[in-house]
């Protein structure tokens, strides 16, 4: 075998070897001919024309993420510091989409720079119209605004935004301290209001309890007074009946009814002496005094029951 045949054989083997192209799963290969786009190769084993068709770029169709850190200024001139995570991917595997991804930017570094700056500019524009006190509660609105503004731009590049997560939003230290003071004062105010309400409820319930106790005591006293009055009335009624009966019996025996009053008088004196609690009672012990007392008692007896005769 001469040298020409050897060279030809080597070129043939090399050509066959270069005709096979392996494309990894999750990527698409872009083929060019003398620098001009020709076609795309899907994942797996593919064939190409050796020495003529070249693999210009392998485009990943998998999701990609990047972390962002940037600063924005609110309408009230407060500095806001963002830490975000951006998730994006190629829209699909259509030929036009892959061509945009492959040829819109010189390399991935330029793509990343444009993507990051576009998102940062969108967020800064949104925050510039808000007060610093509003920013923390507008995470969802910020993400929705960014997606609405840049989705069309990303589509022209062959990408779409899957997710934007604002992981951290912070302010200057002075602003953070002032916000903490506002929260603390609000909590103290709420605590004071709650304590005042609790005290009002406690005093109201205590007043209601006192009122109910007074009402119950008054009702009990009224009932007791009624019972005492009924007892006194019954006692007087029984005394009158007893005196009437005694007087009738003494009349039948031709005795002076004043003896009943004398007996009641002596019984009363006995009770005073026996059950007295240290009280001093002055009595006139003379015969004139006793006669005077008897007359008064007989007069009282006549007033109580005119039917009793002396």
Protein backbone atom coordinates (compact mmCIF):
# COMPACT_ATOMS: atom_id res chain seq x y z
CA UNK A 1 0.00 0.00 0.00
CA UNK A 2 1.49 3.31 -1.10
CA UNK A 3 1.47 6.51 0.92
CA UNK A 4 -1.47 7.97 -1.01
CA UNK A 5 -3.65 5.06 -0.11
CA UNK A 6 -2.61 5.36 3.49
CA UNK A 7 -3.50 9.06 3.59
CA UNK A 8 -6.82 8.38 1.88
CA UNK A 9 -7.62 5.66 4.37
CA UNK A 10 -6.78 7.88 7.32
CA UNK A 11 -8.93 10.67 5.91
CA UNK A 12 -11.79 8.25 5.32
CA UNK A 13 -11.64 6.88 8.87
CA UNK A 14 -11.40 10.39 10.30
CA UNK A 15 -14.32 11.51 8.17
CA UNK A 16 -16.48 8.65 9.35
CA UNK A 17 -15.48 9.34 12.93
CA UNK A 18 -16.30 13.06 12.57
CA UNK A 19 -19.66 12.27 11.00
CA UNK A 20 -21.12 11.17 14.31
CA UNK A 21 -22.20 13.76 16.88
CA UNK A 22 -23.52 12.93 20.35
CA UNK A 23 -25.91 15.50 21.85
CA UNK A 24 -26.46 15.22 25.60
CA UNK A 25 -29.94 15.08 27.10
CA UNK A 26 -31.20 18.56 28.01
CA UNK A 27 -29.23 20.27 25.23
CA UNK A 28 -29.65 21.06 21.54
CA UNK A 29 -26.72 21.41 19.12
CA UNK A 30 -26.69 24.25 16.57
CA UNK A 31 -25.06 23.33 13.21
CA UNK A 32 -23.55 25.90 10.86
CA UNK A 33 -21.97 25.60 7.43
CA UNK A 34 -19.12 28.02 6.86
CA UNK A 35 -20.51 30.20 9.67
CA UNK A 36 -24.14 30.20 8.44
CA UNK A 37 -26.93 28.54 10.37
CA UNK A 38 -27.91 25.20 8.90
CA UNK A 39 -29.95 23.14 11.35
CA UNK A 40 -30.27 21.83 14.90
CA UNK A 41 -29.48 18.41 16.33
CA UNK A 42 -31.68 16.88 19.05
CA UNK A 43 -30.38 14.80 22.00
CA UNK A 44 -28.88 11.46 21.07
CA UNK A 45 -26.58 10.22 18.26
CA UNK A 46 -26.69 12.37 15.12
CA UNK A 47 -24.93 12.53 11.75
CA UNK A 48 -23.32 15.57 10.15
CA UNK A 49 -21.18 16.24 7.07
CA UNK A 50 -17.58 16.13 8.27
CA UNK A 51 -15.31 19.12 7.66
CA UNK A 52 -18.31 21.14 6.35
CA UNK A 53 -20.95 21.17 9.05
CA UNK A 54 -19.72 22.44 12.39
CA UNK A 55 -21.28 22.39 15.88
CA UNK A 56 -21.49 26.12 16.53
CA UNK A 57 -23.03 25.95 20.03
CA UNK A 58 -24.71 23.54 22.37
CA UNK A 59 -27.79 25.24 23.87
CA UNK A 60 -29.03 24.03 27.26
CA UNK A 61 -32.82 23.77 27.51
CA UNK A 62 -32.69 23.08 31.25
CA UNK A 63 -33.73 25.55 33.93
CA UNK A 64 -31.04 27.97 35.04
CA UNK A 65 -30.79 30.08 38.18
CA UNK A 66 -28.79 33.11 39.18
CA UNK A 67 -28.60 35.13 42.39
CA UNK A 68 -28.91 38.91 42.29
CA UNK A 69 -27.90 41.61 44.77
CA UNK A 70 -28.72 45.23 44.02
CA UNK A 71 -29.98 48.48 45.52
CA UNK A 72 -33.03 50.64 44.80
CA UNK A 73 -34.31 53.98 46.13
CA UNK A 74 -37.90 54.61 47.16
CA UNK A 75 -39.93 57.74 46.48
CA UNK A 76 -39.12 59.00 50.02
CA UNK A 77 -35.37 58.60 49.36
CA UNK A 78 -34.84 55.40 51.39
CA UNK A 79 -32.24 52.88 50.24
CA UNK A 80 -33.59 49.36 49.75
CA UNK A 81 -31.26 46.39 49.35
CA UNK A 82 -32.50 43.33 47.49
CA UNK A 83 -31.27 39.75 47.37
CA UNK A 84 -33.11 37.76 44.74
CA UNK A 85 -33.02 34.42 42.97
CA UNK A 86 -33.85 34.37 39.26
CA UNK A 87 -35.03 31.17 37.56
CA UNK A 88 -35.28 31.14 33.76
CA UNK A 89 -35.12 28.73 30.83
CA UNK A 90 -35.32 28.44 27.03
CA UNK A 91 -38.96 28.72 25.96
CA UNK A 92 -39.05 25.53 23.89
CA UNK A 93 -37.07 23.48 21.35
CA UNK A 94 -38.52 25.05 18.22
CA UNK A 95 -35.97 26.00 15.57
CA UNK A 96 -36.71 29.74 15.72
CA UNK A 97 -36.37 29.76 19.49
CA UNK A 98 -33.02 27.91 19.38
CA UNK A 99 -31.74 30.30 16.69
CA UNK A 100 -32.57 33.30 18.92
CA UNK A 101 -30.83 31.71 21.88
CA UNK A 102 -27.75 30.85 19.83
CA UNK A 103 -27.24 34.08 17.91
CA UNK A 104 -28.77 36.99 19.92
CA UNK A 105 -25.74 37.32 22.20
CA UNK A 106 -22.06 36.72 21.66
CA UNK A 107 -21.82 34.47 24.69
CA UNK A 108 -23.61 33.53 27.89
CA UNK A 109 -21.80 36.20 29.86
CA UNK A 110 -23.39 38.96 27.77
CA UNK A 111 -26.77 37.27 28.02
CA UNK A 112 -26.51 37.10 31.79
CA UNK A 113 -25.46 40.71 32.06
CA UNK A 114 -28.41 41.90 29.95
CA UNK A 115 -30.86 39.68 31.84
CA UNK A 116 -29.71 40.81 35.27
CA UNK A 117 -29.62 44.50 34.37
CA UNK A 118 -33.10 44.30 32.82
CA UNK A 119 -34.61 42.78 35.93
CA UNK A 120 -32.79 45.17 38.25
CA UNK A 121 -33.99 48.14 36.21
CA UNK A 122 -37.59 46.87 36.31
CA UNK A 123 -37.53 46.45 40.10
CA UNK A 124 -35.89 49.84 40.62
CA UNK A 125 -38.58 51.47 38.48
CA UNK A 126 -41.31 49.84 40.55
CA UNK A 127 -39.74 50.72 43.92
CA UNK A 128 -39.10 54.33 42.86
CA UNK A 129 -42.87 54.99 43.02
CA UNK A 130 -43.38 53.42 46.47
CA UNK A 131 -42.66 54.50 50.04
CA UNK A 132 -40.19 52.50 52.11
CA UNK A 133 -42.98 51.45 54.49
CA UNK A 134 -44.83 49.81 51.58
CA UNK A 135 -41.98 47.83 50.02
CA UNK A 136 -41.94 44.92 52.49
CA UNK A 137 -45.58 44.11 51.83
CA UNK A 138 -45.27 44.27 48.03
CA UNK A 139 -43.11 41.22 47.24
CA UNK A 140 -45.80 39.57 45.13
CA UNK A 141 -46.65 42.79 43.32
CA UNK A 142 -42.97 43.42 42.51
CA UNK A 143 -42.57 39.95 40.97
CA UNK A 144 -45.77 40.29 38.94
CA UNK A 145 -44.70 43.72 37.66
CA UNK A 146 -41.26 42.43 36.63
CA UNK A 147 -42.75 39.47 34.76
CA UNK A 148 -45.23 41.69 32.96
CA UNK A 149 -42.53 44.10 31.83
CA UNK A 150 -39.75 41.75 30.72
CA UNK A 151 -41.58 38.66 29.43
CA UNK A 152 -41.86 40.10 25.91
CA UNK A 153 -38.20 41.12 25.88
CA UNK A 154 -37.08 37.68 27.05
CA UNK A 155 -39.19 35.99 24.39
CA UNK A 156 -37.28 37.83 21.69
CA UNK A 157 -34.12 36.35 23.19
CA UNK A 158 -35.66 32.86 23.27
CA UNK A 159 -36.10 32.73 27.07
CA UNK A 160 -38.89 33.14 29.59
CA UNK A 161 -38.86 33.96 33.28
CA UNK A 162 -39.97 31.00 35.40
CA UNK A 163 -39.69 32.55 38.83
CA UNK A 164 -38.29 35.52 40.69
CA UNK A 165 -37.91 35.17 44.45
CA UNK A 166 -37.07 38.19 46.59
CA UNK A 167 -35.31 36.36 49.39
CA UNK A 168 -34.22 39.40 51.39
CA UNK A 169 -35.27 43.04 51.51
CA UNK A 170 -33.34 45.28 53.90
CA UNK A 171 -32.88 48.99 54.58
CA UNK A 172 -30.23 51.24 56.05
CA UNK A 173 -29.57 50.65 59.75
CA UNK A 174 -31.15 53.97 60.77
CA UNK A 175 -34.36 53.09 58.93
CA UNK A 176 -34.44 49.61 60.47
CA UNK A 177 -34.10 51.12 63.97
CA UNK A 178 -36.87 53.63 63.31
CA UNK A 179 -39.15 50.89 61.97
CA UNK A 180 -38.43 48.80 65.06
CA UNK A 181 -39.31 51.78 67.27
CA UNK A 182 -42.58 52.27 65.40
CA UNK A 183 -43.46 48.59 65.84
CA UNK A 184 -42.50 48.70 69.52
CA UNK A 185 -44.60 51.81 70.18
CA UNK A 186 -47.54 50.26 68.33
CA UNK A 187 -47.24 47.12 70.44
CA UNK A 188 -47.08 49.19 73.64
CA UNK A 189 -50.15 51.13 72.56
CA UNK A 190 -52.03 47.92 71.79
CA UNK A 191 -50.95 46.43 75.13
CA UNK A 192 -52.13 49.54 76.98
CA UNK A 193 -55.46 49.46 75.19
CA UNK A 194 -55.89 45.76 75.98
CA UNK A 195 -54.97 46.36 79.63
CA UNK A 196 -57.45 49.23 79.82
CA UNK A 197 -60.18 47.08 78.32
CA UNK A 198 -59.37 44.25 80.74
CA UNK A 199 -59.48 46.66 83.72
CA UNK A 200 -62.78 48.12 82.50
CA UNK A 201 -64.28 44.66 82.16
CA UNK A 202 -62.99 43.67 85.62
CA UNK A 203 -64.42 46.79 87.28
CA UNK A 204 -67.69 46.42 85.38
CA UNK A 205 -68.06 42.81 86.49
CA UNK A 206 -67.14 43.75 90.08
CA UNK A 207 -69.73 46.54 90.06
CA UNK A 208 -72.34 44.17 88.68
CA UNK A 209 -71.46 41.63 91.38
CA UNK A 210 -71.69 44.30 94.12
CA UNK A 211 -75.00 45.46 92.72
CA UNK A 212 -76.36 41.92 92.65
CA UNK A 213 -75.10 41.34 96.21
CA UNK A 214 -76.81 44.53 97.43
CA UNK A 215 -79.98 43.56 95.60
CA UNK A 216 -79.95 40.08 97.13
CA UNK A 217 -79.22 41.49 100.61
CA UNK A 218 -82.02 44.04 100.28
CA UNK A 219 -84.41 41.34 99.12
CA UNK A 220 -83.39 39.14 102.05
CA UNK A 221 -83.79 42.04 104.50
CA UNK A 222 -87.22 42.81 103.08
CA UNK A 223 -88.28 39.19 103.47
CA UNK A 224 -86.84 39.09 107.00
CA UNK A 225 -88.67 42.30 107.92
CA UNK A 226 -91.91 40.83 106.60
CA UNK A 227 -91.36 37.68 108.62
CA UNK A 228 -90.50 39.69 111.76
CA UNK A 229 -93.61 41.80 111.32
CA UNK A 230 -95.73 38.71 110.84
CA UNK A 231 -94.15 37.19 113.95
CA UNK A 232 -94.82 40.29 116.04
CA UNK A 233 -98.39 40.42 114.77
CA UNK A 234 -98.95 36.78 115.64
CA UNK A 235 -97.36 37.33 119.05
CA UNK A 236 -99.64 40.27 119.77
CA UNK A 237 -102.64 38.33 118.53
CA UNK A 238 -101.85 35.41 120.82
CA UNK A 239 -101.20 37.74 123.77
CA UNK A 240 -104.54 39.44 123.18
CA UNK A 241 -106.29 36.07 122.97
CA UNK A 242 -104.61 34.92 126.15
CA UNK A 243 -105.45 38.09 128.02
CA UNK A 244 -109.05 37.91 126.80
CA UNK A 245 -109.37 34.31 127.90
CA UNK A 246 -107.75 35.04 131.27
CA UNK A 247 -110.00 38.04 131.82
CA UNK A 248 -113.11 35.98 131.07
CA UNK A 249 -112.07 33.28 133.48
CA UNK A 250 -111.30 35.85 136.22
CA UNK A 251 -114.67 37.55 135.67
CA UNK A 252 -116.37 34.20 136.05
CA UNK A 253 -114.44 33.72 139.32
CA UNK A 254 -115.33 37.28 140.47
CA UNK A 255 -111.62 38.28 140.51
CA UNK A 256 -110.09 41.64 139.61
CA UNK A 257 -108.65 41.55 136.09
CA UNK A 258 -105.90 43.95 137.11
CA UNK A 259 -104.16 40.94 138.60
CA UNK A 260 -103.31 39.90 135.00
CA UNK A 261 -101.56 43.18 134.37
CA UNK A 262 -99.75 42.88 137.71
CA UNK A 263 -98.59 39.40 136.76
CA UNK A 264 -97.38 40.63 133.35
CA UNK A 265 -95.54 43.45 135.05
CA UNK A 266 -93.75 41.21 137.53
CA UNK A 267 -92.89 38.74 134.74
CA UNK A 268 -91.37 41.57 132.70
CA UNK A 269 -89.30 42.70 135.69
CA UNK A 270 -88.09 39.13 136.12
CA UNK A 271 -87.05 38.89 132.44
CA UNK A 272 -85.20 42.21 132.66
CA UNK A 273 -83.20 40.93 135.62
CA UNK A 274 -82.54 37.47 134.15
CA UNK A 275 -81.67 38.26 130.54
CA UNK A 276 -80.37 41.81 130.72
CA UNK A 277 -77.02 42.45 128.99
CA UNK A 278 -75.77 45.15 131.32
CA UNK A 279 -78.49 47.68 130.50
CA UNK A 280 -79.74 49.75 133.47
CA UNK A 281 -83.51 50.12 133.94
CA UNK A 282 -84.79 52.56 136.54
CA UNK A 283 -88.15 51.60 138.17
CA UNK A 284 -90.20 53.45 140.77
CA UNK A 285 -90.57 50.87 143.58
CA UNK A 286 -92.91 52.97 145.78
CA UNK A 287 -96.61 52.08 146.25
CA UNK A 288 -97.65 55.29 144.50
CA UNK A 289 -95.36 54.47 141.65
CA UNK A 290 -96.79 50.98 141.35
CA UNK A 291 -100.36 52.29 141.40
CA UNK A 292 -99.47 54.78 138.70
CA UNK A 293 -97.88 52.09 136.59
CA UNK A 294 -100.89 49.80 137.06
CA UNK A 295 -103.27 52.53 135.98
CA UNK A 296 -101.22 53.15 132.85
CA UNK A 297 -101.15 49.46 132.01
CA UNK A 298 -104.92 49.14 132.55
CA UNK A 299 -105.50 52.13 130.33
CA UNK A 300 -103.29 50.55 127.64
CA UNK A 301 -105.20 47.29 128.06
CA UNK A 302 -108.48 49.09 127.52
CA UNK A 303 -107.10 50.63 124.36
CA UNK A 304 -105.96 47.24 123.05
CA UNK A 305 -109.27 45.48 123.83
CA UNK A 306 -112.24 47.61 125.00
CA UNK A 307 -114.17 44.41 125.86
CA UNK A 308 -111.89 43.70 128.86
CA UNK A 309 -113.37 45.13 132.04
CA UNK A 310 -111.47 46.32 135.02
